[in-house]
Amino acid sequence: MELLKPKIDVVFHALFREENKHLTEALISDILGKKVKIITKDKDRHLNLKYPEEKLGVMDLRTELEGGVKCNIEIQLRKYKNENERFLYYWANTYSRQLKRGEKYKELNKTISIIILDHEIQELEGIEELGTKWQIRDDKTGKRMLTEHLEIIILEIPKAIRMYEKNKKDRISQWLMFLDNPNKEEVFQIMEENKEIKEATAELYEMSRDEELRLVAELVEKGRRDDAAAMEYIMEEGLKKGMDKGLKAGIKKGIEEGRKKGRKEGIEKR
């Protein structure tokens, strides 16, 4: 049986649900490079299988770590315009919602956004490593941090696949290989040395037998493929019309230039 892909948000949320909190802890610990303990998880963000379309594109996994640190994980399979601003906006939303009316700013805690992308972005081009932390630092030395409260980690699955080939023991690469496609032979090799991914794969196997979840996951994936195909068609049609328009304009301009040149040559010969 082919396993469902955890990078599909509905599957991701079903896998890293409250009952599997230890798997979420393992994932976050490997990404942050230190052991963490989850105190609470935002159950309101869990998937409602009957109405998956309500959460598409905005689903994330919200947790509170030991010490009050807020940590979000968001899976993003589509490319969006102004993506970086979108990352910051979602971080700000999580940060600001900590305070209720009348509470003081000192009650705010560090907030970490972990964003997993199914594509690469231009701003990270040339950074061939995973787990880079984006923070607010001065532009003179790059060493002085304005605040520790802001931290954004962007993980690109295509880059992780390349990095895995260079370092098969990299824990972040191993997780992203699993999230991308647990049916690959490399994931079975990863399971031999990563017990958490082995356990996650076993859990995913049981989930993949759930016909309702499989149907929803297939519908979500089909919807994304249809959206991508529609966008490709629109771009092709737009390019075609643009080329046709440009060609017609070029021909018209060529005819006009030819007429001008012909008239000029005719006058000179007289």
C-alpha atoms as a PDB file:
ATOM      1  CA  MET A   1       0.000   0.000   0.000  1.00  0.00           C
ATOM      2  CA  GLU A   2       1.321   3.416  -0.942  1.00  0.00           C
ATOM      3  CA  LEU A   3       1.686   5.664   2.088  1.00  0.00           C
ATOM      4  CA  LEU A   4       0.060   9.087   2.186  1.00  0.00           C
ATOM      5  CA  LYS A   5       2.467  12.010   1.854  1.00  0.00           C
ATOM      6  CA  PRO A   6       2.842  13.926   5.146  1.00  0.00           C
ATOM      7  CA  LYS A   7       3.633  17.172   3.322  1.00  0.00           C
ATOM      8  CA  ILE A   8      -0.050  17.342   2.385  1.00  0.00           C
ATOM      9  CA  ASP A   9      -1.366  19.537   5.195  1.00  0.00           C
ATOM     10  CA  VAL A  10      -4.354  17.345   6.061  1.00  0.00           C
ATOM     11  CA  VAL A  11      -2.056  14.330   6.479  1.00  0.00           C
ATOM     12  CA  PHE A  12       0.523  16.396   8.377  1.00  0.00           C
ATOM     13  CA  HIS A  13      -2.065  17.434  10.957  1.00  0.00           C
ATOM     14  CA  ALA A  14      -3.455  13.935  11.313  1.00  0.00           C
ATOM     15  CA  LEU A  15       0.051  12.541  11.868  1.00  0.00           C
ATOM     16  CA  PHE A  16       1.251  15.173  14.351  1.00  0.00           C
ATOM     17  CA  ARG A  17      -1.969  15.192  16.362  1.00  0.00           C
ATOM     18  CA  GLU A  18      -2.172  15.459  20.156  1.00  0.00           C
ATOM     19  CA  GLU A  19      -1.744  11.714  20.678  1.00  0.00           C
ATOM     20  CA  ASN A  20       1.562  11.826  18.793  1.00  0.00           C
ATOM     21  CA  LYS A  21       2.988  14.804  20.678  1.00  0.00           C
ATOM     22  CA  HIS A  22       6.308  12.987  21.138  1.00  0.00           C
ATOM     23  CA  LEU A  23       6.737  12.865  17.341  1.00  0.00           C
ATOM     24  CA  THR A  24       6.118  16.614  17.135  1.00  0.00           C
ATOM     25  CA  GLU A  25       8.705  17.127  19.867  1.00  0.00           C
ATOM     26  CA  ALA A  26      11.230  15.029  17.915  1.00  0.00           C
ATOM     27  CA  LEU A  27      10.587  16.999  14.709  1.00  0.00           C
ATOM     28  CA  ILE A  28      10.940  20.413  16.396  1.00  0.00           C
ATOM     29  CA  SER A  29      13.990  19.287  18.404  1.00  0.00           C
ATOM     30  CA  ASP A  30      15.828  18.198  15.259  1.00  0.00           C
ATOM     31  CA  ILE A  31      14.956  21.413  13.423  1.00  0.00           C
ATOM     32  CA  LEU A  32      16.019  23.668  16.308  1.00  0.00           C
ATOM     33  CA  GLY A  33      19.065  21.553  17.114  1.00  0.00           C
ATOM     34  CA  LYS A  34      18.153  21.169  20.782  1.00  0.00           C
ATOM     35  CA  LYS A  35      15.827  19.077  22.888  1.00  0.00           C
ATOM     36  CA  VAL A  36      12.418  20.670  23.433  1.00  0.00           C
ATOM     37  CA  LYS A  37       9.352  19.732  25.419  1.00  0.00           C
ATOM     38  CA  ILE A  38       5.847  20.649  24.275  1.00  0.00           C
ATOM     39  CA  ILE A  39       3.615  21.993  27.037  1.00  0.00           C
ATOM     40  CA  THR A  40       0.446  22.526  25.000  1.00  0.00           C
ATOM     41  CA  LYS A  41      -0.807  22.211  21.423  1.00  0.00           C
ATOM     42  CA  ASP A  42      -3.513  24.313  19.825  1.00  0.00           C
ATOM     43  CA  LYS A  43      -6.256  21.737  19.316  1.00  0.00           C
ATOM     44  CA  ASP A  44      -8.427  24.285  17.482  1.00  0.00           C
ATOM     45  CA  ARG A  45      -6.023  24.057  14.552  1.00  0.00           C
ATOM     46  CA  HIS A  46      -6.559  20.336  14.091  1.00  0.00           C
ATOM     47  CA  LEU A  47      -8.117  19.071  10.917  1.00  0.00           C
ATOM     48  CA  ASN A  48     -11.824  18.699  10.411  1.00  0.00           C
ATOM     49  CA  LEU A  49     -11.978  15.965   7.787  1.00  0.00           C
ATOM     50  CA  LYS A  50     -15.489  16.892   6.711  1.00  0.00           C
ATOM     51  CA  TYR A  51     -14.552  20.425   5.666  1.00  0.00           C
ATOM     52  CA  PRO A  52     -10.873  20.376   4.607  1.00  0.00           C
ATOM     53  CA  GLU A  53     -11.319  23.234   2.149  1.00  0.00           C
ATOM     54  CA  GLU A  54     -11.886  25.673   5.005  1.00  0.00           C
ATOM     55  CA  LYS A  55      -8.290  25.322   6.174  1.00  0.00           C
ATOM     56  CA  LEU A  56      -6.351  24.932   2.932  1.00  0.00           C
ATOM     57  CA  GLY A  57      -3.331  27.190   2.685  1.00  0.00           C
ATOM     58  CA  VAL A  58      -3.699  28.547   6.220  1.00  0.00           C
ATOM     59  CA  MET A  59      -3.365  25.430   8.346  1.00  0.00           C
ATOM     60  CA  ASP A  60      -0.446  25.400  10.740  1.00  0.00           C
ATOM     61  CA  LEU A  61       0.549  23.501  13.820  1.00  0.00           C
ATOM     62  CA  ARG A  62       0.803  25.698  16.905  1.00  0.00           C
ATOM     63  CA  THR A  63       2.604  24.604  20.051  1.00  0.00           C
ATOM     64  CA  GLU A  64       3.905  26.076  23.278  1.00  0.00           C
ATOM     65  CA  LEU A  65       7.310  24.864  24.385  1.00  0.00           C
ATOM     66  CA  GLU A  66       8.796  24.705  27.836  1.00  0.00           C
ATOM     67  CA  GLY A  67       9.619  28.229  29.015  1.00  0.00           C
ATOM     68  CA  GLY A  68       6.614  29.749  27.236  1.00  0.00           C
ATOM     69  CA  VAL A  69       8.183  29.823  23.747  1.00  0.00           C
ATOM     70  CA  LYS A  70       5.579  29.725  20.982  1.00  0.00           C
ATOM     71  CA  CYS A  71       6.416  27.560  17.984  1.00  0.00           C
ATOM     72  CA  ASN A  72       4.462  27.232  14.745  1.00  0.00           C
ATOM     73  CA  ILE A  73       5.019  24.795  11.902  1.00  0.00           C
ATOM     74  CA  GLU A  74       3.449  25.645   8.557  1.00  0.00           C
ATOM     75  CA  ILE A  75       3.490  23.476   5.439  1.00  0.00           C
ATOM     76  CA  GLN A  76       3.293  25.479   2.201  1.00  0.00           C
ATOM     77  CA  LEU A  77       3.076  23.575  -1.077  1.00  0.00           C
ATOM     78  CA  ARG A  78       2.010  26.487  -3.282  1.00  0.00           C
ATOM     79  CA  LYS A  79       4.016  29.490  -4.351  1.00  0.00           C
ATOM     80  CA  TYR A  80       2.568  32.808  -3.311  1.00  0.00           C
ATOM     81  CA  LYS A  81       3.262  36.358  -4.333  1.00  0.00           C
ATOM     82  CA  ASN A  82       5.087  38.313  -1.599  1.00  0.00           C
ATOM     83  CA  GLU A  83       5.880  35.093   0.261  1.00  0.00           C
ATOM     84  CA  ASN A  84       8.411  36.639   2.619  1.00  0.00           C
ATOM     85  CA  GLU A  85       5.921  39.252   3.778  1.00  0.00           C
ATOM     86  CA  ARG A  86       3.431  36.445   4.292  1.00  0.00           C
ATOM     87  CA  PHE A  87       5.927  34.579   6.524  1.00  0.00           C
ATOM     88  CA  LEU A  88       6.386  37.672   8.654  1.00  0.00           C
ATOM     89  CA  TYR A  89       2.652  38.327   8.840  1.00  0.00           C
ATOM     90  CA  TYR A  90       1.895  34.856  10.189  1.00  0.00           C
ATOM     91  CA  TRP A  91       4.733  35.147  12.708  1.00  0.00           C
ATOM     92  CA  ALA A  92       3.327  38.512  13.843  1.00  0.00           C
ATOM     93  CA  ASN A  93      -0.151  37.033  14.178  1.00  0.00           C
ATOM     94  CA  THR A  94       1.116  34.321  16.520  1.00  0.00           C
ATOM     95  CA  TYR A  95       3.236  36.794  18.489  1.00  0.00           C
ATOM     96  CA  SER A  96       0.481  39.371  18.972  1.00  0.00           C
ATOM     97  CA  ARG A  97      -2.249  36.924  19.942  1.00  0.00           C
ATOM     98  CA  GLN A  98      -0.338  36.095  23.142  1.00  0.00           C
ATOM     99  CA  LEU A  99      -1.631  39.275  24.824  1.00  0.00           C
ATOM    100  CA  LYS A 100      -5.171  39.857  25.944  1.00  0.00           C
ATOM    101  CA  ARG A 101      -6.628  43.294  26.601  1.00  0.00           C
ATOM    102  CA  GLY A 102      -4.931  44.950  29.548  1.00  0.00           C
ATOM    103  CA  GLU A 103      -1.893  42.656  29.679  1.00  0.00           C
ATOM    104  CA  LYS A 104       1.640  44.074  29.551  1.00  0.00           C
ATOM    105  CA  TYR A 105       4.287  43.627  26.870  1.00  0.00           C
ATOM    106  CA  LYS A 106       6.535  41.809  29.324  1.00  0.00           C
ATOM    107  CA  GLU A 107       4.098  38.899  29.102  1.00  0.00           C
ATOM    108  CA  LEU A 108       5.156  38.297  25.474  1.00  0.00           C
ATOM    109  CA  ASN A 109       7.320  35.252  24.793  1.00  0.00           C
ATOM    110  CA  LYS A 110       9.712  34.301  22.038  1.00  0.00           C
ATOM    111  CA  THR A 111       7.919  33.097  18.913  1.00  0.00           C
ATOM    112  CA  ILE A 112       9.428  30.705  16.372  1.00  0.00           C
ATOM    113  CA  SER A 113       7.925  30.142  12.920  1.00  0.00           C
ATOM    114  CA  ILE A 114       9.070  27.006  11.099  1.00  0.00           C
ATOM    115  CA  ILE A 115       8.004  27.169   7.457  1.00  0.00           C
ATOM    116  CA  ILE A 116       8.369  24.091   5.260  1.00  0.00           C
ATOM    117  CA  LEU A 117       8.224  24.854   1.526  1.00  0.00           C
ATOM    118  CA  ASP A 118       7.806  22.473  -1.391  1.00  0.00           C
ATOM    119  CA  HIS A 119       9.851  24.872  -3.524  1.00  0.00           C
ATOM    120  CA  GLU A 120      12.890  27.126  -3.239  1.00  0.00           C
ATOM    121  CA  ILE A 121      12.819  30.904  -2.915  1.00  0.00           C
ATOM    122  CA  GLN A 122      15.171  33.417  -4.472  1.00  0.00           C
ATOM    123  CA  GLU A 123      16.180  35.031  -1.172  1.00  0.00           C
ATOM    124  CA  LEU A 124      17.723  31.751   0.051  1.00  0.00           C
ATOM    125  CA  GLU A 125      19.619  31.082  -3.170  1.00  0.00           C
ATOM    126  CA  GLY A 126      23.235  30.185  -2.433  1.00  0.00           C
ATOM    127  CA  ILE A 127      22.528  29.115   1.170  1.00  0.00           C
ATOM    128  CA  GLU A 128      23.185  25.394   0.920  1.00  0.00           C
ATOM    129  CA  GLU A 129      22.349  24.539   4.496  1.00  0.00           C
ATOM    130  CA  LEU A 130      19.202  23.870   6.486  1.00  0.00           C
ATOM    131  CA  GLY A 131      17.890  25.404   9.689  1.00  0.00           C
ATOM    132  CA  THR A 132      19.127  28.974   9.156  1.00  0.00           C
ATOM    133  CA  LYS A 133      17.510  31.245  11.756  1.00  0.00           C
ATOM    134  CA  TRP A 134      16.291  34.635  10.512  1.00  0.00           C
ATOM    135  CA  GLN A 135      16.323  37.315  13.204  1.00  0.00           C
ATOM    136  CA  ILE A 136      16.554  41.103  13.645  1.00  0.00           C
ATOM    137  CA  ARG A 137      20.237  42.128  13.716  1.00  0.00           C
ATOM    138  CA  ASP A 138      22.162  45.338  13.121  1.00  0.00           C
ATOM    139  CA  ASP A 139      23.471  46.095   9.624  1.00  0.00           C
ATOM    140  CA  LYS A 140      26.976  47.046  10.812  1.00  0.00           C
ATOM    141  CA  THR A 141      28.266  43.915  12.489  1.00  0.00           C
ATOM    142  CA  GLY A 142      25.391  41.475  12.121  1.00  0.00           C
ATOM    143  CA  LYS A 143      26.124  40.320  15.653  1.00  0.00           C
ATOM    144  CA  ARG A 144      23.935  42.595  17.762  1.00  0.00           C
ATOM    145  CA  MET A 145      20.385  41.292  18.050  1.00  0.00           C
ATOM    146  CA  LEU A 146      17.533  43.718  18.718  1.00  0.00           C
ATOM    147  CA  THR A 147      15.386  41.028  20.330  1.00  0.00           C
ATOM    148  CA  GLU A 148      15.425  37.256  20.701  1.00  0.00           C
ATOM    149  CA  HIS A 149      11.659  37.122  20.347  1.00  0.00           C
ATOM    150  CA  LEU A 150      11.643  36.898  16.542  1.00  0.00           C
ATOM    151  CA  GLU A 151      12.889  33.749  14.842  1.00  0.00           C
ATOM    152  CA  ILE A 152      11.872  32.390  11.451  1.00  0.00           C
ATOM    153  CA  ILE A 153      13.243  29.158  10.015  1.00  0.00           C
ATOM    154  CA  ILE A 154      12.552  28.410   6.346  1.00  0.00           C
ATOM    155  CA  LEU A 155      13.090  24.848   5.124  1.00  0.00           C
ATOM    156  CA  GLU A 156      12.945  24.051   1.406  1.00  0.00           C
ATOM    157  CA  ILE A 157      12.232  20.419   0.545  1.00  0.00           C
ATOM    158  CA  PRO A 158      14.128  20.438  -2.818  1.00  0.00           C
ATOM    159  CA  LYS A 159      17.224  21.767  -1.033  1.00  0.00           C
ATOM    160  CA  ALA A 160      16.863  19.147   1.712  1.00  0.00           C
ATOM    161  CA  ILE A 161      16.840  16.380  -0.903  1.00  0.00           C
ATOM    162  CA  ARG A 162      20.142  17.712  -2.301  1.00  0.00           C
ATOM    163  CA  MET A 163      21.611  18.052   1.169  1.00  0.00           C
ATOM    164  CA  TYR A 164      20.664  14.493   2.048  1.00  0.00           C
ATOM    165  CA  GLU A 165      22.824  13.219  -0.805  1.00  0.00           C
ATOM    166  CA  LYS A 166      25.792  15.071   0.735  1.00  0.00           C
ATOM    167  CA  ASN A 167      25.079  14.167   4.361  1.00  0.00           C
ATOM    168  CA  LYS A 168      22.736  11.254   4.948  1.00  0.00           C
ATOM    169  CA  LYS A 169      22.957  11.651   8.724  1.00  0.00           C
ATOM    170  CA  ASP A 170      21.541  15.191   8.746  1.00  0.00           C
ATOM    171  CA  ARG A 171      18.397  14.958  10.869  1.00  0.00           C
ATOM    172  CA  ILE A 172      16.539  17.851   9.201  1.00  0.00           C
ATOM    173  CA  SER A 173      17.140  16.359   5.742  1.00  0.00           C
ATOM    174  CA  GLN A 174      15.876  13.012   6.995  1.00  0.00           C
ATOM    175  CA  TRP A 175      12.617  14.518   8.255  1.00  0.00           C
ATOM    176  CA  LEU A 176      12.019  16.488   5.040  1.00  0.00           C
ATOM    177  CA  MET A 177      12.721  13.385   2.929  1.00  0.00           C
ATOM    178  CA  PHE A 178      10.067  11.599   4.973  1.00  0.00           C
ATOM    179  CA  LEU A 179       7.577  14.471   4.720  1.00  0.00           C
ATOM    180  CA  ASP A 180       8.121  14.743   0.958  1.00  0.00           C
ATOM    181  CA  ASN A 181       7.537  11.103   0.087  1.00  0.00           C
ATOM    182  CA  PRO A 182       7.734   8.239   2.620  1.00  0.00           C
ATOM    183  CA  ASN A 183       7.479   5.699  -0.213  1.00  0.00           C
ATOM    184  CA  LYS A 184      11.043   6.358  -1.431  1.00  0.00           C
ATOM    185  CA  GLU A 185      13.704   3.735  -0.858  1.00  0.00           C
ATOM    186  CA  GLU A 186      15.878   6.325   0.918  1.00  0.00           C
ATOM    187  CA  VAL A 187      13.242   6.712   3.638  1.00  0.00           C
ATOM    188  CA  PHE A 188      13.434   3.004   4.437  1.00  0.00           C
ATOM    189  CA  GLN A 189      17.182   3.464   4.870  1.00  0.00           C
ATOM    190  CA  ILE A 190      16.567   6.484   7.115  1.00  0.00           C
ATOM    191  CA  MET A 191      14.246   4.386   9.291  1.00  0.00           C
ATOM    192  CA  GLU A 192      17.160   2.101  10.157  1.00  0.00           C
ATOM    193  CA  GLU A 193      18.901   4.859  12.133  1.00  0.00           C
ATOM    194  CA  ASN A 194      16.130   7.322  13.016  1.00  0.00           C
ATOM    195  CA  LYS A 195      13.726   5.654  15.420  1.00  0.00           C
ATOM    196  CA  GLU A 196      11.312   8.629  15.478  1.00  0.00           C
ATOM    197  CA  ILE A 197      10.899   8.556  11.698  1.00  0.00           C
ATOM    198  CA  LYS A 198      10.500   4.789  11.882  1.00  0.00           C
ATOM    199  CA  GLU A 199       7.697   5.265  14.409  1.00  0.00           C
ATOM    200  CA  ALA A 200       6.157   8.066  12.309  1.00  0.00           C
ATOM    201  CA  THR A 201       6.217   5.782   9.254  1.00  0.00           C
ATOM    202  CA  ALA A 202       4.467   3.014  11.205  1.00  0.00           C
ATOM    203  CA  GLU A 203       1.811   5.499  12.335  1.00  0.00           C
ATOM    204  CA  LEU A 204       1.465   6.766   8.771  1.00  0.00           C
ATOM    205  CA  TYR A 205       0.908   3.204   7.579  1.00  0.00           C
ATOM    206  CA  GLU A 206      -2.105   2.881   9.888  1.00  0.00           C
ATOM    207  CA  MET A 207      -3.384   6.289   8.818  1.00  0.00           C
ATOM    208  CA  SER A 208      -3.060   5.361   5.140  1.00  0.00           C
ATOM    209  CA  ARG A 209      -5.562   2.554   5.695  1.00  0.00           C
ATOM    210  CA  ASP A 210      -8.190   5.112   6.689  1.00  0.00           C
ATOM    211  CA  GLU A 211     -10.344   5.452   3.571  1.00  0.00           C
ATOM    212  CA  GLU A 212     -11.836   8.799   4.649  1.00  0.00           C
ATOM    213  CA  LEU A 213      -8.443  10.402   5.230  1.00  0.00           C
ATOM    214  CA  ARG A 214      -7.074   8.942   2.000  1.00  0.00           C
ATOM    215  CA  LEU A 215     -10.034  10.347   0.051  1.00  0.00           C
ATOM    216  CA  VAL A 216      -9.630  13.824   1.565  1.00  0.00           C
ATOM    217  CA  ALA A 217      -5.863  13.773   0.919  1.00  0.00           C
ATOM    218  CA  GLU A 218      -6.427  12.755  -2.703  1.00  0.00           C
ATOM    219  CA  LEU A 219      -9.006  15.530  -3.164  1.00  0.00           C
ATOM    220  CA  VAL A 220      -6.632  18.099  -1.679  1.00  0.00           C
ATOM    221  CA  GLU A 221      -3.769  16.950  -3.906  1.00  0.00           C
ATOM    222  CA  LYS A 222      -6.029  16.874  -6.961  1.00  0.00           C
ATOM    223  CA  GLY A 223      -7.200  20.411  -6.186  1.00  0.00           C
ATOM    224  CA  ARG A 224      -3.623  21.640  -6.075  1.00  0.00           C
ATOM    225  CA  ARG A 225      -2.783  19.881  -9.361  1.00  0.00           C
ATOM    226  CA  ASP A 226      -5.858  21.398 -10.984  1.00  0.00           C
ATOM    227  CA  ASP A 227      -4.901  24.864  -9.706  1.00  0.00           C
ATOM    228  CA  ALA A 228      -1.368  24.434 -11.039  1.00  0.00           C
ATOM    229  CA  ALA A 229      -2.672  23.242 -14.422  1.00  0.00           C
ATOM    230  CA  ALA A 230      -5.103  26.160 -14.619  1.00  0.00           C
ATOM    231  CA  MET A 231      -2.348  28.646 -13.816  1.00  0.00           C
ATOM    232  CA  GLU A 232      -0.058  27.063 -16.410  1.00  0.00           C
ATOM    233  CA  TYR A 233      -2.820  27.328 -19.028  1.00  0.00           C
ATOM    234  CA  ILE A 234      -3.447  30.985 -18.164  1.00  0.00           C
ATOM    235  CA  MET A 235       0.263  31.793 -18.429  1.00  0.00           C
ATOM    236  CA  GLU A 236       0.608  29.952 -21.747  1.00  0.00           C
ATOM    237  CA  GLU A 237      -2.442  31.678 -23.192  1.00  0.00           C
ATOM    238  CA  GLY A 238      -1.216  35.036 -21.943  1.00  0.00           C
ATOM    239  CA  LEU A 239       2.218  34.444 -23.457  1.00  0.00           C
ATOM    240  CA  LYS A 240       0.677  33.294 -26.722  1.00  0.00           C
ATOM    241  CA  LYS A 241      -1.563  36.356 -26.950  1.00  0.00           C
ATOM    242  CA  GLY A 242       1.349  38.583 -26.039  1.00  0.00           C
ATOM    243  CA  MET A 243       3.510  37.025 -28.759  1.00  0.00           C
ATOM    244  CA  ASP A 244       0.703  37.307 -31.311  1.00  0.00           C
ATOM    245  CA  LYS A 245       0.169  40.929 -30.367  1.00  0.00           C
ATOM    246  CA  GLY A 246       3.903  41.597 -30.521  1.00  0.00           C
ATOM    247  CA  LEU A 247       4.228  39.865 -33.873  1.00  0.00           C
ATOM    248  CA  LYS A 248       1.353  41.846 -35.356  1.00  0.00           C
ATOM    249  CA  ALA A 249       2.808  45.072 -33.975  1.00  0.00           C
ATOM    250  CA  GLY A 250       6.213  44.130 -35.393  1.00  0.00           C
ATOM    251  CA  ILE A 251       4.790  43.389 -38.835  1.00  0.00           C
ATOM    252  CA  LYS A 252       2.838  46.648 -38.804  1.00  0.00           C
ATOM    253  CA  LYS A 253       5.925  48.579 -37.782  1.00  0.00           C
ATOM    254  CA  GLY A 254       8.008  46.794 -40.445  1.00  0.00           C
ATOM    255  CA  ILE A 255       5.492  47.681 -43.158  1.00  0.00           C
ATOM    256  CA  GLU A 256       5.460  51.309 -42.064  1.00  0.00           C
ATOM    257  CA  GLU A 257       9.257  51.463 -41.980  1.00  0.00           C
ATOM    258  CA  GLY A 258       9.380  49.848 -45.406  1.00  0.00           C
ATOM    259  CA  ARG A 259       6.955  52.391 -46.831  1.00  0.00           C
ATOM    260  CA  LYS A 260       8.936  55.279 -45.364  1.00  0.00           C
ATOM    261  CA  LYS A 261      12.173  53.893 -46.748  1.00  0.00           C
ATOM    262  CA  GLY A 262      10.587  53.271 -50.131  1.00  0.00           C
ATOM    263  CA  ARG A 263       9.233  56.815 -50.336  1.00  0.00           C
ATOM    264  CA  LYS A 264      12.611  58.240 -49.334  1.00  0.00           C
ATOM    265  CA  GLU A 265      14.485  56.185 -51.921  1.00  0.00           C
ATOM    266  CA  GLY A 266      11.929  57.177 -54.581  1.00  0.00           C
ATOM    267  CA  ILE A 267      12.428  60.876 -53.830  1.00  0.00           C
ATOM    268  CA  GLU A 268      16.233  60.565 -53.960  1.00  0.00           C
ATOM    269  CA  LYS A 269      16.117  58.859 -57.375  1.00  0.00           C
ATOM    270  CA  ARG A 270      14.080  61.657 -58.942  1.00  0.00           C
END
